[in-house]
Protein backbone atom coordinates (compact mmCIF):
# COMPACT_ATOMS: atom_id res chain seq x y z
CA MET A 1 -24.85 -14.37 -45.08
CA ASN A 2 -22.81 -14.28 -41.88
CA HIS A 3 -23.95 -17.62 -40.39
CA HIS A 4 -23.75 -18.29 -36.67
CA ARG A 5 -24.29 -21.04 -34.20
CA ALA A 6 -27.37 -20.53 -32.07
CA ILE A 7 -29.15 -22.11 -29.12
CA GLU A 8 -32.87 -21.66 -28.48
CA LEU A 9 -33.47 -21.62 -24.73
CA GLN A 10 -37.02 -23.00 -24.84
CA ASP A 11 -37.51 -25.56 -22.08
CA ARG A 12 -40.18 -27.44 -24.08
CA ALA A 13 -37.73 -27.92 -26.97
CA LEU A 14 -34.20 -26.64 -26.32
CA ALA A 15 -32.49 -26.58 -29.72
CA LEU A 16 -29.05 -26.08 -31.27
CA ALA A 17 -28.64 -24.89 -34.86
CA ALA A 18 -25.98 -23.72 -37.29
CA ALA A 19 -26.27 -22.03 -40.69
CA GLY A 20 -30.06 -22.29 -40.67
CA ARG A 21 -30.11 -26.01 -39.88
CA VAL A 22 -31.39 -27.57 -36.64
CA LEU A 23 -28.76 -29.94 -35.23
CA SER A 24 -30.55 -31.20 -32.14
CA VAL A 25 -33.74 -30.51 -30.21
CA ALA A 26 -35.01 -32.05 -26.97
CA PRO A 27 -37.11 -31.09 -23.95
CA SER A 28 -35.25 -29.52 -21.07
CA ALA A 29 -35.98 -32.28 -18.55
CA VAL A 30 -32.64 -33.28 -17.02
CA GLY A 31 -31.15 -34.86 -13.94
CA ASN A 32 -30.88 -32.47 -11.00
CA GLY A 33 -27.92 -34.21 -9.35
CA ARG A 34 -30.05 -36.26 -6.97
CA ASP A 35 -30.06 -39.92 -8.09
CA LEU A 36 -29.66 -38.78 -11.73
CA GLU A 37 -26.52 -37.06 -13.01
CA ARG A 38 -26.93 -33.30 -13.24
CA GLY A 39 -27.72 -32.08 -16.75
CA MET A 40 -28.21 -35.55 -18.26
CA PRO A 41 -31.38 -36.18 -20.34
CA ALA A 42 -34.20 -37.44 -18.13
CA TRP A 43 -37.45 -37.18 -20.13
CA GLY A 44 -37.67 -40.97 -19.90
CA ALA A 45 -37.56 -40.75 -16.09
CA LEU A 46 -39.97 -37.85 -15.58
CA ARG A 47 -42.76 -40.08 -14.23
CA LEU A 48 -40.46 -42.80 -12.87
CA GLN A 49 -38.30 -40.54 -10.68
CA PRO A 50 -39.97 -37.11 -10.59
CA ALA A 51 -37.93 -35.92 -7.58
CA ALA A 52 -34.68 -36.53 -9.50
CA VAL A 53 -35.68 -34.59 -12.65
CA ALA A 54 -35.41 -30.81 -13.15
CA THR A 55 -37.87 -29.10 -15.52
CA ARG A 56 -38.04 -25.59 -14.00
CA HIS A 57 -34.37 -24.59 -13.94
CA TRP A 58 -34.63 -22.04 -16.77
CA SER A 59 -37.60 -20.18 -15.30
CA THR A 60 -36.03 -20.38 -11.82
CA LEU A 61 -32.87 -18.53 -12.97
CA ALA A 62 -34.53 -15.21 -12.16
CA HIS A 63 -35.33 -16.08 -8.52
CA PRO A 64 -33.54 -13.86 -5.98
CA ASP A 65 -32.48 -16.70 -3.65
CA GLU A 66 -30.35 -19.82 -3.49
CA THR A 67 -32.71 -21.68 -5.84
CA ALA A 68 -31.30 -19.57 -8.69
CA ALA A 69 -27.76 -20.83 -7.95
CA ARG A 70 -28.94 -24.44 -8.08
CA ALA A 71 -30.89 -23.74 -11.27
CA LEU A 72 -27.80 -22.15 -12.84
CA ASP A 73 -25.69 -25.22 -12.06
CA ILE A 74 -28.27 -27.43 -13.80
CA ALA A 75 -28.60 -25.06 -16.80
CA VAL A 76 -24.82 -24.89 -17.29
CA ALA A 77 -24.50 -28.69 -17.05
CA GLU A 78 -27.28 -29.13 -19.61
CA LEU A 79 -25.72 -26.67 -22.06
CA ARG A 80 -22.26 -28.23 -21.71
CA ARG A 81 -23.66 -31.67 -22.48
CA ARG A 82 -25.78 -30.48 -25.42
CA CYS A 83 -22.85 -28.59 -26.97
CA ALA A 84 -20.56 -31.62 -26.57
CA GLU A 85 -23.12 -33.83 -28.35
CA VAL A 86 -22.87 -31.72 -31.54
CA GLY A 87 -19.12 -31.11 -31.27
CA TRP A 88 -19.20 -27.50 -30.13
CA HIS A 89 -16.19 -26.92 -27.92
CA ASP A 90 -15.34 -23.25 -28.45
CA GLY A 91 -16.26 -20.12 -30.38
CA PRO A 92 -19.19 -17.67 -30.24
CA VAL A 93 -22.86 -18.59 -30.02
CA TRP A 94 -26.08 -16.54 -30.12
CA LEU A 95 -28.88 -17.40 -27.73
CA ALA A 96 -32.51 -17.13 -28.91
CA VAL A 97 -34.44 -16.51 -25.70
CA PRO A 98 -38.17 -16.59 -24.93
CA ALA A 99 -39.80 -13.32 -23.95
CA SER A 100 -40.70 -14.89 -20.59
CA LEU A 101 -37.03 -15.19 -19.58
CA PRO A 102 -36.24 -11.91 -17.75
CA PRO A 103 -32.97 -9.95 -18.09
CA GLN A 104 -31.78 -10.99 -14.60
CA ALA A 105 -31.86 -14.62 -15.72
CA LEU A 106 -29.79 -13.75 -18.77
CA GLY A 107 -27.41 -11.83 -16.52
CA ARG A 108 -26.85 -14.90 -14.36
CA LEU A 109 -26.16 -16.94 -17.47
CA LEU A 110 -23.61 -14.37 -18.63
CA GLY A 111 -21.98 -14.46 -15.21
CA ALA A 112 -21.47 -18.19 -15.63
CA ALA A 113 -20.14 -17.88 -19.22
CA ALA A 114 -16.66 -18.96 -18.11
CA ARG A 115 -18.13 -22.36 -17.19
CA LEU A 116 -19.56 -22.81 -20.69
CA PRO A 117 -17.59 -24.17 -23.65
CA LEU A 118 -18.69 -21.27 -25.87
CA GLN A 119 -18.62 -17.50 -25.79
CA ILE A 120 -22.05 -15.81 -25.66
CA ALA A 121 -22.07 -13.36 -28.58
CA GLY A 122 -25.52 -11.97 -27.82
CA PHE A 123 -29.18 -12.61 -27.09
CA ILE A 124 -32.08 -12.19 -29.49
CA GLU A 125 -35.71 -12.74 -28.60
CA ALA A 126 -36.92 -15.94 -30.22
CA SER A 127 -40.12 -14.42 -31.63
CA VAL A 128 -38.19 -11.53 -33.20
CA ALA A 129 -35.67 -13.92 -34.79
CA SER A 130 -38.47 -16.13 -36.14
CA ALA A 131 -40.48 -13.28 -37.66
CA ALA A 132 -37.31 -11.70 -39.14
CA ALA A 133 -36.29 -14.95 -40.86
CA LEU A 134 -39.81 -15.33 -42.27
CA GLY A 135 -39.76 -11.74 -43.55
CA LEU A 136 -43.26 -11.08 -42.19
CA ASP A 137 -44.88 -7.92 -43.53
CA ARG A 138 -48.00 -7.87 -41.32
CA PRO A 139 -48.41 -7.57 -37.53
CA ALA A 140 -47.88 -10.88 -35.79
CA LEU A 141 -48.64 -12.66 -32.54
CA ALA A 142 -46.16 -15.34 -31.47
CA LEU A 143 -47.12 -17.98 -28.93
CA GLU A 144 -44.25 -19.41 -26.88
CA LEU A 145 -45.24 -22.66 -25.18
CA GLY A 146 -43.05 -23.85 -22.33
CA LEU A 147 -43.21 -26.84 -20.04
CA HIS A 148 -44.91 -24.83 -17.29
CA GLN A 149 -46.21 -21.62 -18.85
CA MET A 150 -47.06 -19.94 -22.12
CA THR A 151 -46.37 -16.44 -23.37
CA ALA A 152 -47.87 -14.45 -26.23
CA VAL A 153 -45.79 -11.73 -27.93
CA ALA A 154 -47.19 -8.98 -30.14
CA LEU A 155 -44.79 -8.01 -32.94
CA GLU A 156 -44.67 -5.07 -35.32
CA CYS A 157 -43.53 -6.37 -38.69
CA GLY A 158 -42.43 -4.83 -41.94
CA GLY A 159 -38.95 -3.54 -42.74
CA GLN A 160 -38.16 -4.08 -39.07
CA ILE A 161 -39.46 -6.63 -36.60
CA ALA A 162 -40.04 -5.24 -33.11
CA ARG A 163 -41.52 -6.64 -29.93
CA ARG A 164 -44.50 -4.51 -28.90
CA GLN A 165 -46.19 -6.25 -25.95
CA VAL A 166 -45.87 -9.46 -23.94
CA LEU A 167 -48.48 -11.38 -21.92
CA SER A 168 -47.76 -14.53 -19.94
CA SER A 169 -49.84 -17.14 -18.18
CA GLU A 170 -48.48 -19.31 -15.37
CA ARG A 171 -51.09 -21.86 -16.40
CA GLY A 172 -51.07 -23.65 -19.70
CA GLY A 173 -47.67 -25.27 -19.98
CA LEU A 174 -47.22 -28.53 -21.89
CA LEU A 175 -46.82 -30.62 -18.74
CA GLU A 176 -50.06 -29.33 -17.24
CA LEU A 177 -51.93 -30.23 -20.42
CA GLN A 178 -50.38 -33.69 -20.44
CA GLU A 179 -51.35 -34.11 -16.79
CA GLY A 180 -54.97 -33.56 -17.81
CA TRP A 181 -54.68 -36.09 -20.63
CA LEU A 182 -53.12 -38.64 -18.25
CA GLY A 183 -56.04 -38.17 -15.88
CA LEU A 184 -58.47 -38.79 -18.73
CA LEU A 185 -56.70 -41.99 -19.85
CA ARG A 186 -56.53 -43.20 -16.27
CA ARG A 187 -60.30 -42.80 -15.84
CA LEU A 188 -60.98 -44.60 -19.14
CA CYS A 189 -58.62 -47.44 -18.25
CA VAL A 190 -60.06 -47.94 -14.76
CA ARG A 191 -63.60 -47.88 -16.12
CA ARG A 192 -62.80 -50.41 -18.84
CA THR A 193 -60.27 -52.75 -17.19
CA ARG A 194 -60.22 -51.90 -13.45
CA PHE A 195 -56.46 -51.35 -13.82
CA ASP A 196 -55.06 -47.99 -12.65
CA PRO A 197 -52.09 -47.18 -14.94
CA LEU A 198 -50.91 -44.39 -12.63
CA HIS A 199 -50.61 -46.79 -9.70
CA LEU A 200 -47.32 -48.12 -11.08
CA ALA A 201 -44.51 -45.74 -12.05
CA SER A 202 -43.53 -47.94 -15.01
CA SER A 203 -47.02 -47.98 -16.57
CA GLU A 204 -47.40 -44.26 -15.84
CA GLN A 205 -44.17 -43.55 -17.75
CA GLN A 206 -45.40 -45.71 -20.66
CA LEU A 207 -48.64 -43.77 -20.84
CA PHE A 208 -46.83 -40.42 -20.55
CA GLU A 209 -44.44 -41.21 -23.41
CA SER A 210 -47.33 -42.28 -25.66
CA LEU A 211 -49.21 -38.96 -25.33
CA PRO A 212 -47.76 -37.20 -28.43
CA ARG A 213 -48.62 -40.18 -30.62
CA VAL A 214 -52.09 -40.52 -29.06
CA ALA A 215 -52.85 -36.83 -29.61
CA ARG A 216 -51.61 -36.89 -33.21
CA GLU A 217 -53.51 -40.10 -34.04
CA ALA A 218 -56.74 -38.82 -32.49
CA THR A 219 -56.45 -35.52 -34.37
CA LEU A 220 -56.01 -37.26 -37.73
CA ALA A 221 -58.29 -40.29 -37.33
CA GLY A 222 -60.84 -39.18 -34.74
CA GLN A 223 -59.67 -41.69 -32.16
CA ALA A 224 -56.51 -43.33 -30.88
CA HIS A 225 -55.69 -46.75 -29.45
CA VAL A 226 -53.68 -46.96 -26.24
CA THR A 227 -51.84 -49.99 -24.85
CA VAL A 228 -50.50 -50.16 -21.29
CA GLU A 229 -48.57 -52.98 -19.66
CA GLY A 230 -48.53 -53.49 -15.91
CA SER A 231 -48.97 -56.09 -13.18
CA GLY A 232 -48.01 -58.79 -15.68
CA ALA A 233 -50.89 -57.98 -18.02
CA ARG A 234 -51.58 -55.92 -21.15
CA PHE A 235 -54.47 -53.45 -21.21
CA GLU A 236 -55.99 -51.70 -24.23
CA LEU A 237 -58.38 -48.79 -24.55
CA THR A 238 -59.59 -46.24 -27.09
CA VAL A 239 -59.79 -42.48 -26.61
CA THR A 240 -61.58 -40.10 -28.98
CA ARG A 241 -60.54 -36.74 -30.36
CA ASP A 242 -63.48 -35.06 -28.60
CA GLN A 243 -62.53 -36.55 -25.22
CA LEU A 244 -58.97 -35.25 -25.49
CA ALA A 245 -60.19 -31.88 -26.75
CA GLU A 246 -62.52 -31.54 -23.77
CA ALA A 247 -59.69 -32.42 -21.37
CA GLY A 248 -57.58 -29.65 -22.94
CA ARG A 249 -60.36 -27.09 -23.36
CA TRP A 250 -59.30 -24.99 -20.37
CA LEU A 251 -55.81 -24.59 -21.87
CA TYR A 252 -57.18 -23.75 -25.32
CA GLN A 253 -59.30 -21.04 -23.71
CA GLU A 254 -56.27 -19.67 -21.87
CA LEU A 255 -54.28 -19.65 -25.11
CA LEU A 256 -57.03 -17.91 -27.07
CA GLN A 257 -57.52 -15.37 -24.30
CA LEU A 258 -53.85 -14.33 -24.53
CA LEU A 259 -54.12 -13.95 -28.31
CA HIS A 260 -57.42 -12.05 -28.11
CA ARG A 261 -55.99 -9.63 -25.54
CA LEU A 262 -53.08 -8.78 -27.84
CA ARG A 263 -54.83 -8.76 -31.23
CA PRO A 264 -56.43 -5.47 -32.30
CA ALA A 265 -60.11 -6.34 -32.75
CA GLY A 266 -60.63 -8.18 -36.03
CA ALA A 267 -57.11 -7.49 -37.32
CA PRO A 268 -55.76 -10.08 -39.83
CA VAL A 269 -52.47 -10.77 -38.04
CA ALA A 270 -50.00 -13.63 -38.53
CA LEU A 271 -50.12 -16.23 -35.74
CA LEU A 272 -46.78 -17.94 -35.03
CA LEU A 273 -47.35 -21.21 -33.16
CA PRO A 274 -45.24 -24.34 -32.61
CA GLN A 275 -46.28 -27.00 -35.12
CA ALA A 276 -46.74 -29.46 -32.24
CA LEU A 277 -49.78 -27.49 -31.07
CA LEU A 278 -51.56 -28.12 -34.37
CA GLU A 279 -51.53 -31.83 -33.49
CA TRP A 280 -53.51 -31.22 -30.30
CA PRO A 281 -57.05 -32.56 -30.67
CA GLY A 282 -59.56 -29.75 -31.18
CA LEU A 283 -57.11 -26.84 -31.08
CA ARG A 284 -57.05 -26.23 -34.83
CA ARG A 285 -60.83 -25.88 -34.81
CA ALA A 286 -60.68 -23.49 -31.84
CA LEU A 287 -58.22 -21.27 -33.72
CA ASP A 288 -60.78 -20.73 -36.49
CA GLU A 289 -62.43 -18.06 -34.35
CA LEU A 290 -59.41 -15.90 -35.25
CA HIS A 291 -60.80 -15.74 -38.78
CA GLY A 292 -58.82 -13.86 -41.39
CA CYS A 293 -55.47 -14.49 -39.68
CA GLU A 294 -52.56 -16.39 -41.20
CA LEU A 295 -51.55 -19.45 -39.19
CA VAL A 296 -47.79 -20.11 -39.29
CA GLY A 297 -46.67 -23.42 -37.76
CA LEU A 298 -43.02 -23.42 -36.69
CA ALA A 299 -40.98 -26.64 -36.62
CA PRO A 300 -39.10 -27.52 -33.39
CA GLY A 301 -35.95 -25.42 -33.10
CA PHE A 302 -37.19 -22.83 -35.60
CA ALA A 303 -35.95 -19.82 -33.60
CA ALA A 304 -32.49 -21.41 -33.25
CA ALA A 305 -32.34 -22.00 -37.00
CA ALA A 306 -33.48 -18.42 -37.64
CA ALA A 307 -30.93 -16.89 -35.27
CA SER A 308 -28.15 -18.99 -36.82
CA ALA A 309 -29.01 -17.76 -40.34
CA LEU A 310 -29.63 -14.05 -39.71
CA THR A 311 -26.80 -11.57 -40.27
CA LEU A 312 -26.41 -10.70 -36.60
CA PRO A 313 -23.75 -8.23 -35.45
CA ALA A 314 -20.34 -9.58 -34.41
CA ARG A 315 -19.40 -8.90 -30.82
CA THR A 316 -16.51 -6.51 -30.36
CA ALA A 317 -14.06 -6.96 -27.49
CA GLY A 318 -14.89 -4.69 -24.58
CA HIS A 319 -18.49 -4.09 -25.68
CA THR A 320 -21.52 -5.25 -23.75
CA VAL A 321 -23.43 -8.34 -24.86
CA PRO A 322 -26.52 -7.16 -26.77
CA LEU A 323 -30.13 -8.20 -26.14
CA LEU A 324 -32.02 -7.67 -29.40
CA ARG A 325 -35.76 -7.05 -29.14
CA ARG A 326 -35.99 -5.64 -32.66
CA TYR A 327 -34.23 -6.58 -35.87
CA VAL A 328 -34.44 -6.00 -39.59
CA ALA A 329 -36.48 -8.49 -41.62
CA GLN A 330 -34.21 -10.90 -43.52
CA PRO A 331 -36.17 -13.67 -45.27
CA VAL A 332 -34.25 -16.96 -45.06
CA PRO A 333 -35.36 -19.65 -47.58
CA ALA A 334 -33.98 -22.46 -45.41
CA CYS A 335 -36.19 -21.29 -42.55
CA ALA A 336 -39.26 -20.90 -44.75
CA ALA A 337 -39.02 -24.63 -45.42
CA LEU A 338 -39.34 -25.25 -41.66
CA ALA A 339 -42.71 -23.49 -41.44
CA THR A 340 -46.24 -24.27 -42.62
CA ARG A 341 -48.55 -21.39 -43.58
CA GLU A 342 -52.29 -21.30 -44.11
CA LEU A 343 -55.04 -18.71 -43.98
CA LEU A 344 -57.68 -19.26 -41.35
CA ALA A 345 -61.33 -18.94 -42.39
CA GLN A 346 -62.40 -15.52 -43.58
CA ASP A 347 -65.20 -13.66 -41.80
CA PRO A 348 -67.90 -16.24 -41.18
CA ALA A 349 -71.16 -15.96 -43.09
CA THR A 350 -73.25 -14.97 -40.08
CA PRO A 351 -76.82 -13.65 -40.25
CA ALA A 352 -77.35 -9.92 -40.27
CA ILE A 353 -77.32 -8.18 -36.88
CA THR A 354 -80.83 -7.05 -35.94
CA HIS A 355 -80.64 -6.38 -32.18
CA LEU A 356 -78.33 -5.49 -29.32
CA ARG A 357 -78.79 -6.97 -25.85
CA CYS A 358 -77.85 -4.68 -22.95
CA GLY A 359 -78.62 -6.39 -19.65
CA GLU A 360 -82.30 -7.35 -19.81
CA ARG A 361 -83.01 -4.81 -22.52
CA VAL A 362 -83.00 -5.80 -26.20
CA VAL A 363 -82.68 -2.90 -28.65
CA GLY A 364 -83.35 -3.17 -32.36
CA LEU A 365 -80.79 -1.83 -34.82
CA GLY A 366 -81.96 0.29 -37.74
CA ARG A 367 -80.24 2.17 -40.53
CA GLU A 368 -79.39 5.12 -38.27
CA PRO A 369 -76.22 5.11 -36.12
CA LEU A 370 -76.69 3.89 -32.53
CA PRO A 371 -74.52 5.85 -30.03
CA ILE A 372 -73.45 4.14 -26.79
CA GLY A 373 -72.15 5.97 -23.72
CA ARG A 374 -73.06 7.95 -20.60
CA GLN A 375 -74.41 10.95 -22.51
CA GLY A 376 -78.04 10.90 -23.54
CA SER A 377 -79.18 11.81 -27.02
CA GLU A 378 -82.35 12.97 -28.68
CA ALA A 379 -81.86 10.18 -31.20
CA PRO A 380 -82.18 6.55 -30.08
CA ALA A 381 -79.10 5.60 -28.03
CA ILE A 382 -77.81 3.21 -25.40
CA GLN A 383 -77.32 5.40 -22.32
CA LEU A 384 -75.18 3.83 -19.61
CA PRO A 385 -75.38 4.94 -15.97
CA GLU A 386 -73.27 7.81 -14.64
CA GLY A 387 -70.36 6.77 -12.45
CA MET A 388 -69.36 3.66 -14.43
CA ALA A 389 -65.57 3.38 -14.47
CA GLY A 390 -63.92 3.49 -17.88
CA VAL A 391 -67.00 4.70 -19.79
CA SER A 392 -66.90 7.89 -21.85
CA ARG A 393 -69.89 10.16 -22.39
CA HIS A 394 -69.76 9.32 -26.10
CA HIS A 395 -68.03 5.96 -25.96
CA CYS A 396 -68.71 4.19 -29.26
CA THR A 397 -71.20 3.93 -32.12
CA LEU A 398 -72.74 1.06 -34.07
CA LEU A 399 -73.69 1.84 -37.66
CA GLN A 400 -74.55 0.11 -40.91
CA GLU A 401 -72.23 0.36 -43.92
CA GLY A 402 -74.01 -1.49 -46.69
CA VAL A 403 -74.56 -5.03 -45.43
CA THR A 404 -71.83 -4.71 -42.77
CA THR A 405 -72.28 -3.53 -39.18
CA VAL A 406 -69.33 -1.49 -37.93
CA LEU A 407 -68.36 -0.42 -34.42
CA ILE A 408 -66.47 2.88 -34.10
CA ASP A 409 -64.61 3.60 -30.86
CA HIS A 410 -64.54 7.24 -29.67
CA SER A 411 -63.27 6.69 -26.11
CA ARG A 412 -59.91 7.06 -24.44
CA PHE A 413 -60.68 4.05 -22.21
CA GLY A 414 -61.14 1.49 -24.98
CA THR A 415 -63.88 -0.72 -26.36
CA PHE A 416 -63.41 -4.50 -26.58
CA VAL A 417 -65.01 -6.98 -28.99
CA ASN A 418 -64.63 -10.62 -27.93
CA GLY A 419 -61.82 -9.55 -25.61
CA GLU A 420 -59.90 -7.68 -28.36
CA ARG A 421 -59.40 -3.92 -28.15
CA VAL A 422 -60.87 -1.96 -31.04
CA ARG A 423 -58.40 0.25 -32.91
CA GLU A 424 -60.73 3.01 -34.15
CA ARG A 425 -63.21 0.75 -36.00
CA VAL A 426 -64.00 -2.90 -36.66
CA ALA A 427 -66.65 -4.95 -38.49
CA VAL A 428 -68.81 -6.92 -36.04
CA HIS A 429 -71.01 -9.99 -36.41
CA ALA A 430 -74.00 -11.61 -34.75
CA GLY A 431 -72.80 -13.40 -31.62
CA ASP A 432 -70.00 -10.91 -30.91
CA ARG A 433 -69.78 -9.48 -27.40
CA ILE A 434 -68.85 -5.84 -26.76
CA ARG A 435 -67.30 -4.89 -23.41
CA ILE A 436 -67.26 -1.31 -22.19
CA GLY A 437 -65.75 -0.03 -18.95
CA GLU A 438 -63.85 -1.64 -16.07
CA PRO A 439 -64.78 -4.23 -14.87
CA GLY A 440 -67.27 -3.43 -17.57
CA THR A 441 -70.73 -3.94 -18.92
CA GLU A 442 -71.25 -6.43 -21.75
CA LEU A 443 -73.44 -5.98 -24.82
CA GLU A 444 -74.32 -8.85 -27.13
CA LEU A 445 -75.07 -8.55 -30.85
CA LEU A 446 -78.02 -10.69 -31.94
CA SER A 447 -79.70 -11.82 -35.13
CA LEU A 448 -83.45 -12.14 -34.44
CA HIS A 449 -86.54 -12.23 -36.60
CA PRO A 450 -87.85 -8.65 -36.54
CA THR A 451 -91.26 -8.26 -34.90
CA SER A 452 -91.51 -4.52 -35.01
CA SER A 453 -89.89 -1.50 -36.59
CA SER A 454 -89.35 -0.02 -33.14
CA ARG A 455 -85.79 0.07 -31.83
CA ASP A 456 -86.99 -1.32 -28.51
CA ALA A 457 -88.77 -4.30 -30.03
CA PRO A 458 -88.53 -7.35 -27.77
CA PRO A 459 -87.10 -10.58 -29.15
CA SER A 460 -89.59 -12.92 -30.71
CA GLN A 461 -90.71 -15.92 -28.67
CA SER A 462 -90.75 -19.32 -30.29
């Protein structure tokens, strides 16, 4: 293989790799030139001197004002230092970039290439590089978690890996999650000891640096022990897995919403997630609702290792620098060793669907197909009002196929099950929610004890 050097521009874990091996990885929290030297590592000062630490310089590169110039100075200083640490002083390098980093940001980086110790040979999207090195043969969703945002990327996989769609959320970055965990630990500490660990910058930094260990310990053991020193005393407390999971629930919901919006309803896709997320209390359990999918945990720096091992094209003098959003699948054994793979639970063993709730109306399901839409029917049907946006006259149909209930979409507007768009047909289960129209009407599938053979039988009262 034609091995390269590669840098993964992920602010949560900026990584350098060569020949499929990760050389260094660290969060992109660096001095901004005020009190702390520009580009120098500053994760250990993030809560001590927050005004002196830059964490948004990569996402700010795309801004159309002077903030982009300042961000570029910080980014260049960080890259120069990181390259010097591993002995890179010249030669070409590929950059594995997150889908959230727009082309104008990459253009600014290219414009500053003369200030870098290396020549930029090209850009490849990190999710494409990762899926190509894994040789994925099924559709995939890749979650890119940054310090301040997260992005989900839908990939077509097979002989070629291609980016299909991208969704981003400005909420849900690692630092926002950790802020919630810090607030939880502060409340527990004040309640137990009357000491506020966020009152002192030193104790706040201690607590902040302990968060990865606390999360991992709580996930594995059900609880974690926390020690904080401040005001000449030592304070101890215990936090449970459920407490941390509840503090992060809003982010887990945001994450799942992105994945649901990109996944074709019920499709058994591969989910590419940073391994660090699987150590978050409660997240692994939340992911089980994506039953039938393969969960692929990627080690820190995985995209850099993948880009450094793929046979990427050599740059020719006078040619433009490429940005690759599709690439041929090239399984790399060294990269496979940096990933964990498991199959999430298959379709849950839910009770048979007996009824459909539409507003205040509960309709029983029989053996005959049940049409849903604006057009009435002589047969039993769910007729929605005229004038509803995004609803077809014959929108979709529920029918029984053996012991399975199937929803078939006939519309050009789309039918959504649990937030996922149906691609022609999908098996549904009791508890699933069907959304039709925009903003939409919601139908709920129920499993109730039958009280009548009539389709309009009311639910039984207990």
